[in-house]
Amino acid sequence: MDDLRIRTAVAADAETVLAFWREAAEGTSITDDVDGVTRLVARDPEALILAEQDGRLVGSVIAGYDGWRCSLYRLAVLPAHRRRGIATALLRAAERRFEAVGGRRGDAMVLEANERAQRAWSAAGYRREDHWRRWVKPYTGPVRTG
């Protein structure tokens, strides 16, 4: 892994990141578009952390900090590059970021059906908290009531 490069994303990475997520990440998000990625990078330039190997994007994690919580999203590694320590390197970079800003706890969003991801998060020292549930309301498109 000597040739693994960890860096933060820039706006010009948006298309590459989106193509990477289509290949490596589970599920999609309402913010999976160029505008969503570029707004993230503009608002919090340290949040989107990328792993590159031989000039190719092989991993990502979003390490968002809003001054209150440390939130982790989109931890993904290309299938052919998994089990090589890339996710560990990305999480270490995210955790260093959180420690530098005084973060106290990282919260990870993990799909309920993604058992492989749950095992990976558990191996990294994270634990599931079943007493919490995610509540969402999209702010784009038709808003449905009742």
N, C-alpha and C. Protein backbone atom coordinates (compact mmCIF):
# COMPACT_ATOMS: atom_id res chain seq x y z
N MET A 1 0.82 -1.21 0.00
CA MET A 1 0.00 0.00 0.00
C MET A 1 0.86 1.25 0.00
N ASP A 2 2.11 1.12 -0.31
CA ASP A 2 2.99 2.28 -0.34
C ASP A 2 2.55 3.30 -1.37
N ASP A 3 1.87 2.84 -2.42
CA ASP A 3 1.47 3.76 -3.47
C ASP A 3 0.07 4.33 -3.25
N LEU A 4 -0.53 4.09 -2.09
CA LEU A 4 -1.86 4.63 -1.79
C LEU A 4 -1.73 6.10 -1.40
N ARG A 5 -2.49 6.93 -2.04
CA ARG A 5 -2.50 8.37 -1.75
C ARG A 5 -3.87 8.74 -1.19
N ILE A 6 -3.89 9.35 -0.01
CA ILE A 6 -5.11 9.84 0.61
C ILE A 6 -5.11 11.35 0.47
N ARG A 7 -6.21 11.90 -0.05
CA ARG A 7 -6.32 13.35 -0.23
C ARG A 7 -7.78 13.78 -0.13
N THR A 8 -7.98 15.07 0.04
CA THR A 8 -9.34 15.60 0.02
C THR A 8 -9.73 15.92 -1.42
N ALA A 9 -11.01 15.85 -1.68
CA ALA A 9 -11.53 16.10 -3.03
C ALA A 9 -11.58 17.59 -3.32
N VAL A 10 -11.58 17.90 -4.60
CA VAL A 10 -11.83 19.25 -5.10
C VAL A 10 -13.03 19.18 -6.03
N ALA A 11 -13.60 20.32 -6.35
CA ALA A 11 -14.81 20.36 -7.17
C ALA A 11 -14.63 19.61 -8.50
N ALA A 12 -13.45 19.68 -9.08
CA ALA A 12 -13.20 19.02 -10.36
C ALA A 12 -13.29 17.50 -10.27
N ASP A 13 -13.31 16.94 -9.07
CA ASP A 13 -13.42 15.50 -8.88
C ASP A 13 -14.85 14.99 -8.94
N ALA A 14 -15.83 15.86 -9.02
CA ALA A 14 -17.23 15.47 -8.86
C ALA A 14 -17.66 14.34 -9.80
N GLU A 15 -17.42 14.46 -11.08
CA GLU A 15 -17.84 13.42 -12.03
C GLU A 15 -17.14 12.10 -11.74
N THR A 16 -15.86 12.15 -11.44
CA THR A 16 -15.10 10.94 -11.14
C THR A 16 -15.64 10.27 -9.88
N VAL A 17 -15.94 11.05 -8.86
CA VAL A 17 -16.48 10.51 -7.62
C VAL A 17 -17.83 9.86 -7.86
N LEU A 18 -18.69 10.51 -8.64
CA LEU A 18 -20.01 9.94 -8.91
C LEU A 18 -19.90 8.62 -9.68
N ALA A 19 -19.02 8.56 -10.66
CA ALA A 19 -18.81 7.31 -11.40
C ALA A 19 -18.27 6.23 -10.46
N PHE A 20 -17.35 6.60 -9.58
CA PHE A 20 -16.80 5.67 -8.60
C PHE A 20 -17.90 5.12 -7.70
N TRP A 21 -18.75 6.00 -7.17
CA TRP A 21 -19.83 5.54 -6.29
C TRP A 21 -20.78 4.59 -7.01
N ARG A 22 -21.06 4.83 -8.29
CA ARG A 22 -21.93 3.92 -9.04
C ARG A 22 -21.33 2.52 -9.10
N GLU A 23 -20.01 2.44 -9.10
CA GLU A 23 -19.33 1.15 -9.19
C GLU A 23 -19.07 0.52 -7.81
N ALA A 24 -18.74 1.33 -6.83
CA ALA A 24 -18.23 0.80 -5.57
C ALA A 24 -19.16 0.94 -4.38
N ALA A 25 -20.10 1.87 -4.41
CA ALA A 25 -20.92 2.14 -3.22
C ALA A 25 -22.26 1.41 -3.31
N GLU A 26 -22.85 1.14 -2.18
CA GLU A 26 -24.17 0.54 -2.11
C GLU A 26 -25.22 1.64 -2.05
N GLY A 27 -26.27 1.50 -2.81
CA GLY A 27 -27.37 2.45 -2.74
C GLY A 27 -27.05 3.78 -3.39
N THR A 28 -28.05 4.62 -3.47
CA THR A 28 -27.90 5.96 -4.02
C THR A 28 -28.51 6.96 -3.05
N SER A 29 -28.18 8.21 -3.28
CA SER A 29 -28.67 9.28 -2.43
C SER A 29 -29.25 10.40 -3.29
N ILE A 30 -30.13 11.17 -2.72
CA ILE A 30 -30.73 12.30 -3.42
C ILE A 30 -29.68 13.34 -3.80
N THR A 31 -28.53 13.30 -3.14
CA THR A 31 -27.46 14.26 -3.41
C THR A 31 -26.38 13.70 -4.34
N ASP A 32 -26.63 12.56 -4.95
CA ASP A 32 -25.66 11.96 -5.87
C ASP A 32 -25.74 12.61 -7.24
N ASP A 33 -25.26 13.84 -7.30
CA ASP A 33 -25.15 14.55 -8.57
C ASP A 33 -24.02 15.56 -8.45
N VAL A 34 -23.63 16.13 -9.58
CA VAL A 34 -22.49 17.05 -9.58
C VAL A 34 -22.72 18.20 -8.62
N ASP A 35 -23.93 18.74 -8.60
CA ASP A 35 -24.23 19.86 -7.70
C ASP A 35 -24.05 19.45 -6.24
N GLY A 36 -24.53 18.27 -5.87
CA GLY A 36 -24.40 17.81 -4.49
C GLY A 36 -22.95 17.66 -4.07
N VAL A 37 -22.13 17.07 -4.93
CA VAL A 37 -20.73 16.85 -4.59
C VAL A 37 -19.97 18.18 -4.54
N THR A 38 -20.20 19.05 -5.52
CA THR A 38 -19.47 20.33 -5.53
C THR A 38 -19.90 21.23 -4.37
N ARG A 39 -21.16 21.18 -3.99
CA ARG A 39 -21.60 21.97 -2.82
C ARG A 39 -20.96 21.46 -1.54
N LEU A 40 -20.84 20.13 -1.41
CA LEU A 40 -20.18 19.56 -0.24
C LEU A 40 -18.74 20.06 -0.16
N VAL A 41 -18.01 19.97 -1.26
CA VAL A 41 -16.61 20.37 -1.29
C VAL A 41 -16.46 21.87 -1.03
N ALA A 42 -17.38 22.67 -1.57
CA ALA A 42 -17.31 24.12 -1.36
C ALA A 42 -17.59 24.48 0.10
N ARG A 43 -18.56 23.82 0.71
CA ARG A 43 -18.95 24.14 2.08
C ARG A 43 -17.93 23.62 3.10
N ASP A 44 -17.41 22.42 2.84
CA ASP A 44 -16.50 21.77 3.80
C ASP A 44 -15.39 21.08 3.02
N PRO A 45 -14.36 21.82 2.63
CA PRO A 45 -13.31 21.28 1.76
C PRO A 45 -12.56 20.07 2.30
N GLU A 46 -12.66 19.80 3.59
CA GLU A 46 -11.95 18.65 4.18
C GLU A 46 -12.83 17.41 4.29
N ALA A 47 -14.11 17.52 3.93
CA ALA A 47 -15.06 16.45 4.21
C ALA A 47 -14.93 15.22 3.31
N LEU A 48 -14.76 15.42 2.03
CA LEU A 48 -14.73 14.29 1.10
C LEU A 48 -13.29 13.83 0.94
N ILE A 49 -12.99 12.66 1.49
CA ILE A 49 -11.64 12.12 1.50
C ILE A 49 -11.57 10.98 0.48
N LEU A 50 -10.55 11.04 -0.37
CA LEU A 50 -10.40 10.07 -1.44
C LEU A 50 -9.11 9.27 -1.27
N ALA A 51 -9.16 8.03 -1.75
CA ALA A 51 -7.98 7.18 -1.81
C ALA A 51 -7.70 6.89 -3.27
N GLU A 52 -6.45 7.11 -3.68
CA GLU A 52 -6.05 6.86 -5.06
C GLU A 52 -4.87 5.90 -5.07
N GLN A 53 -4.86 5.05 -6.07
CA GLN A 53 -3.76 4.13 -6.26
C GLN A 53 -3.43 4.10 -7.74
N ASP A 54 -2.19 4.34 -8.07
CA ASP A 54 -1.76 4.41 -9.48
C ASP A 54 -2.61 5.39 -10.27
N GLY A 55 -2.98 6.52 -9.64
CA GLY A 55 -3.75 7.55 -10.30
C GLY A 55 -5.22 7.25 -10.46
N ARG A 56 -5.70 6.15 -9.90
CA ARG A 56 -7.11 5.76 -10.02
C ARG A 56 -7.80 5.89 -8.67
N LEU A 57 -9.02 6.40 -8.68
CA LEU A 57 -9.82 6.50 -7.46
C LEU A 57 -10.24 5.10 -7.04
N VAL A 58 -9.84 4.69 -5.83
CA VAL A 58 -10.16 3.35 -5.36
C VAL A 58 -10.97 3.35 -4.06
N GLY A 59 -11.12 4.52 -3.42
CA GLY A 59 -11.86 4.57 -2.17
C GLY A 59 -12.31 5.97 -1.83
N SER A 60 -13.36 6.04 -0.99
CA SER A 60 -13.87 7.34 -0.54
C SER A 60 -14.53 7.20 0.82
N VAL A 61 -14.58 8.33 1.51
CA VAL A 61 -15.41 8.46 2.70
C VAL A 61 -15.74 9.94 2.85
N ILE A 62 -16.94 10.22 3.28
CA ILE A 62 -17.31 11.59 3.63
C ILE A 62 -17.23 11.69 5.15
N ALA A 63 -16.41 12.62 5.62
CA ALA A 63 -16.21 12.85 7.05
C ALA A 63 -16.72 14.25 7.35
N GLY A 64 -18.02 14.36 7.51
CA GLY A 64 -18.65 15.67 7.71
C GLY A 64 -18.66 16.08 9.16
N TYR A 65 -18.36 17.35 9.38
CA TYR A 65 -18.40 17.89 10.73
C TYR A 65 -19.14 19.22 10.68
N ASP A 66 -20.19 19.33 11.48
CA ASP A 66 -21.03 20.53 11.47
C ASP A 66 -20.82 21.39 12.71
N GLY A 67 -19.75 21.11 13.46
CA GLY A 67 -19.51 21.84 14.69
C GLY A 67 -20.14 21.15 15.90
N TRP A 68 -20.94 20.15 15.66
CA TRP A 68 -21.64 19.42 16.71
C TRP A 68 -21.38 17.93 16.62
N ARG A 69 -21.57 17.38 15.41
CA ARG A 69 -21.44 15.94 15.22
C ARG A 69 -20.43 15.61 14.12
N CYS A 70 -19.83 14.45 14.28
CA CYS A 70 -18.93 13.89 13.27
C CYS A 70 -19.70 12.78 12.55
N SER A 71 -19.98 12.99 11.27
CA SER A 71 -20.80 12.05 10.53
C SER A 71 -20.01 11.43 9.39
N LEU A 72 -20.15 10.13 9.24
CA LEU A 72 -19.43 9.38 8.21
C LEU A 72 -20.41 8.80 7.21
N TYR A 73 -20.13 9.02 5.95
CA TYR A 73 -20.97 8.54 4.87
C TYR A 73 -20.09 8.04 3.74
N ARG A 74 -20.65 7.23 2.88
CA ARG A 74 -20.03 6.85 1.61
C ARG A 74 -18.64 6.24 1.75
N LEU A 75 -18.44 5.43 2.79
CA LEU A 75 -17.21 4.65 2.85
C LEU A 75 -17.34 3.57 1.79
N ALA A 76 -16.50 3.65 0.79
CA ALA A 76 -16.59 2.70 -0.32
C ALA A 76 -15.19 2.43 -0.87
N VAL A 77 -15.00 1.21 -1.32
CA VAL A 77 -13.75 0.79 -1.95
C VAL A 77 -14.12 -0.04 -3.18
N LEU A 78 -13.39 0.18 -4.27
CA LEU A 78 -13.64 -0.62 -5.46
C LEU A 78 -13.60 -2.10 -5.11
N PRO A 79 -14.52 -2.90 -5.63
CA PRO A 79 -14.56 -4.32 -5.28
C PRO A 79 -13.22 -5.04 -5.48
N ALA A 80 -12.50 -4.77 -6.55
CA ALA A 80 -11.23 -5.44 -6.82
C ALA A 80 -10.11 -5.00 -5.88
N HIS A 81 -10.34 -3.94 -5.09
CA HIS A 81 -9.32 -3.40 -4.20
C HIS A 81 -9.66 -3.60 -2.71
N ARG A 82 -10.71 -4.32 -2.44
CA ARG A 82 -11.12 -4.52 -1.05
C ARG A 82 -10.18 -5.49 -0.34
N ARG A 83 -10.17 -5.38 0.98
CA ARG A 83 -9.38 -6.23 1.86
C ARG A 83 -7.89 -5.98 1.70
N ARG A 84 -7.56 -4.71 1.40
CA ARG A 84 -6.16 -4.31 1.28
C ARG A 84 -5.81 -3.17 2.24
N GLY A 85 -6.73 -2.81 3.12
CA GLY A 85 -6.46 -1.75 4.09
C GLY A 85 -6.87 -0.35 3.63
N ILE A 86 -7.52 -0.25 2.49
CA ILE A 86 -7.90 1.07 1.97
C ILE A 86 -8.98 1.71 2.85
N ALA A 87 -9.99 0.95 3.21
CA ALA A 87 -11.04 1.50 4.08
C ALA A 87 -10.46 1.91 5.42
N THR A 88 -9.56 1.12 5.94
CA THR A 88 -8.90 1.46 7.21
C THR A 88 -8.15 2.77 7.09
N ALA A 89 -7.42 2.94 6.00
CA ALA A 89 -6.67 4.19 5.79
C ALA A 89 -7.61 5.38 5.67
N LEU A 90 -8.73 5.20 4.99
CA LEU A 90 -9.71 6.28 4.87
C LEU A 90 -10.32 6.63 6.23
N LEU A 91 -10.67 5.62 7.00
CA LEU A 91 -11.24 5.88 8.33
C LEU A 91 -10.23 6.54 9.25
N ARG A 92 -8.99 6.16 9.16
CA ARG A 92 -7.95 6.83 9.96
C ARG A 92 -7.86 8.31 9.60
N ALA A 93 -7.90 8.60 8.31
CA ALA A 93 -7.87 10.01 7.88
C ALA A 93 -9.08 10.76 8.39
N ALA A 94 -10.25 10.15 8.32
CA ALA A 94 -11.48 10.78 8.82
C ALA A 94 -11.39 11.01 10.32
N GLU A 95 -10.93 10.03 11.05
CA GLU A 95 -10.84 10.14 12.50
C GLU A 95 -9.80 11.18 12.91
N ARG A 96 -8.70 11.28 12.17
CA ARG A 96 -7.72 12.35 12.46
C ARG A 96 -8.37 13.71 12.26
N ARG A 97 -9.16 13.84 11.21
CA ARG A 97 -9.86 15.10 10.97
C ARG A 97 -10.77 15.44 12.14
N PHE A 98 -11.55 14.47 12.57
CA PHE A 98 -12.48 14.70 13.68
C PHE A 98 -11.75 15.05 14.97
N GLU A 99 -10.68 14.37 15.25
CA GLU A 99 -9.90 14.67 16.45
C GLU A 99 -9.33 16.08 16.39
N ALA A 100 -8.89 16.52 15.21
CA ALA A 100 -8.31 17.86 15.05
C ALA A 100 -9.33 18.97 15.32
N VAL A 101 -10.61 18.71 15.04
CA VAL A 101 -11.64 19.74 15.26
C VAL A 101 -12.34 19.57 16.60
N GLY A 102 -11.89 18.60 17.41
CA GLY A 102 -12.49 18.40 18.73
C GLY A 102 -13.71 17.51 18.73
N GLY A 103 -13.89 16.73 17.67
CA GLY A 103 -15.04 15.81 17.61
C GLY A 103 -14.97 14.77 18.71
N ARG A 104 -16.12 14.36 19.17
CA ARG A 104 -16.18 13.44 20.31
C ARG A 104 -16.65 12.03 19.94
N ARG A 105 -17.37 11.91 18.81
CA ARG A 105 -17.90 10.60 18.43
C ARG A 105 -18.24 10.63 16.95
N GLY A 106 -17.92 9.57 16.26
CA GLY A 106 -18.29 9.46 14.86
C GLY A 106 -19.54 8.62 14.69
N ASP A 107 -20.44 9.10 13.87
CA ASP A 107 -21.66 8.36 13.54
C ASP A 107 -21.60 7.96 12.08
N ALA A 108 -21.81 6.68 11.79
CA ALA A 108 -21.76 6.18 10.42
C ALA A 108 -23.15 5.79 9.94
N MET A 109 -23.47 6.18 8.72
CA MET A 109 -24.71 5.74 8.08
C MET A 109 -24.39 4.45 7.32
N VAL A 110 -25.05 3.35 7.68
CA VAL A 110 -24.80 2.06 7.06
C VAL A 110 -26.14 1.45 6.66
N LEU A 111 -26.24 1.03 5.41
CA LEU A 111 -27.49 0.42 4.94
C LEU A 111 -27.80 -0.83 5.75
N GLU A 112 -29.04 -0.98 6.12
CA GLU A 112 -29.49 -2.11 6.92
C GLU A 112 -29.19 -3.45 6.24
N ALA A 113 -29.34 -3.50 4.94
CA ALA A 113 -29.16 -4.76 4.20
C ALA A 113 -27.70 -5.04 3.84
N ASN A 114 -26.80 -4.11 4.09
CA ASN A 114 -25.40 -4.29 3.68
C ASN A 114 -24.61 -4.95 4.82
N GLU A 115 -24.72 -6.27 4.91
CA GLU A 115 -24.06 -7.00 6.00
C GLU A 115 -22.54 -6.90 5.91
N ARG A 116 -21.98 -6.88 4.70
CA ARG A 116 -20.53 -6.76 4.55
C ARG A 116 -20.05 -5.45 5.16
N ALA A 117 -20.78 -4.36 4.89
CA ALA A 117 -20.40 -3.06 5.45
C ALA A 117 -20.54 -3.06 6.97
N GLN A 118 -21.58 -3.70 7.47
CA GLN A 118 -21.75 -3.76 8.92
C GLN A 118 -20.58 -4.48 9.58
N ARG A 119 -20.10 -5.55 8.96
CA ARG A 119 -18.94 -6.26 9.50
C ARG A 119 -17.69 -5.37 9.46
N ALA A 120 -17.54 -4.62 8.38
CA ALA A 120 -16.37 -3.73 8.25
C ALA A 120 -16.40 -2.64 9.32
N TRP A 121 -17.56 -2.03 9.52
CA TRP A 121 -17.66 -0.98 10.54
C TRP A 121 -17.39 -1.56 11.93
N SER A 122 -17.92 -2.73 12.19
CA SER A 122 -17.69 -3.38 13.48
C SER A 122 -16.21 -3.67 13.68
N ALA A 123 -15.55 -4.16 12.66
CA ALA A 123 -14.11 -4.45 12.75
C ALA A 123 -13.30 -3.19 13.00
N ALA A 124 -13.82 -2.04 12.56
CA ALA A 124 -13.12 -0.76 12.76
C ALA A 124 -13.42 -0.15 14.14
N GLY A 125 -14.21 -0.85 14.95
CA GLY A 125 -14.47 -0.38 16.31
C GLY A 125 -15.78 0.37 16.50
N TYR A 126 -16.60 0.43 15.46
CA TYR A 126 -17.89 1.10 15.56
C TYR A 126 -18.93 0.07 15.99
N ARG A 127 -19.97 0.55 16.69
CA ARG A 127 -21.03 -0.36 17.10
C ARG A 127 -22.39 0.21 16.73
N ARG A 128 -23.29 -0.69 16.49
CA ARG A 128 -24.65 -0.33 16.11
C ARG A 128 -25.42 0.12 17.35
N GLU A 129 -26.21 1.16 17.20
CA GLU A 129 -27.08 1.63 18.28
C GLU A 129 -28.52 1.48 17.81
N ASP A 130 -29.17 0.42 18.26
CA ASP A 130 -30.52 0.10 17.79
C ASP A 130 -31.60 1.02 18.33
N HIS A 131 -31.29 1.81 19.32
CA HIS A 131 -32.32 2.69 19.88
C HIS A 131 -32.51 3.97 19.05
N TRP A 132 -31.73 4.14 17.97
CA TRP A 132 -31.88 5.29 17.09
C TRP A 132 -32.45 4.84 15.76
N ARG A 133 -33.23 5.69 15.12
CA ARG A 133 -33.72 5.48 13.77
C ARG A 133 -33.55 6.76 13.00
N ARG A 134 -33.25 6.64 11.75
CA ARG A 134 -33.08 7.80 10.87
C ARG A 134 -34.45 8.25 10.38
N TRP A 135 -34.69 9.55 10.47
CA TRP A 135 -35.92 10.16 9.96
C TRP A 135 -35.53 11.13 8.87
N VAL A 136 -36.18 11.05 7.72
CA VAL A 136 -35.80 11.89 6.59
C VAL A 136 -37.01 12.56 5.97
N LYS A 137 -36.75 13.69 5.32
CA LYS A 137 -37.76 14.39 4.54
C LYS A 137 -37.03 15.05 3.37
N PRO A 138 -37.23 14.57 2.16
CA PRO A 138 -36.58 15.20 1.01
C PRO A 138 -37.08 16.63 0.81
N TYR A 139 -36.19 17.52 0.44
CA TYR A 139 -36.56 18.91 0.18
C TYR A 139 -36.64 19.22 -1.29
N THR A 140 -36.50 18.22 -2.14
CA THR A 140 -36.64 18.42 -3.57
C THR A 140 -37.68 17.46 -4.09
N GLY A 141 -38.29 17.83 -5.20
CA GLY A 141 -39.32 17.00 -5.78
C GLY A 141 -40.63 17.14 -5.04
N PRO A 142 -41.61 16.34 -5.39
CA PRO A 142 -42.93 16.46 -4.74
C PRO A 142 -42.86 16.06 -3.27
N VAL A 143 -43.46 16.86 -2.43
CA VAL A 143 -43.55 16.56 -1.02
C VAL A 143 -44.89 15.88 -0.79
N ARG A 144 -44.84 14.71 -0.18
CA ARG A 144 -46.05 13.95 0.03
C ARG A 144 -46.45 14.04 1.50
N THR A 145 -47.70 14.19 1.73
CA THR A 145 -48.23 14.19 3.09
C THR A 145 -49.25 13.09 3.22
N GLY A 146 -49.35 12.57 4.44
CA GLY A 146 -50.35 11.56 4.77
C GLY A 146 -50.33 10.45 3.88
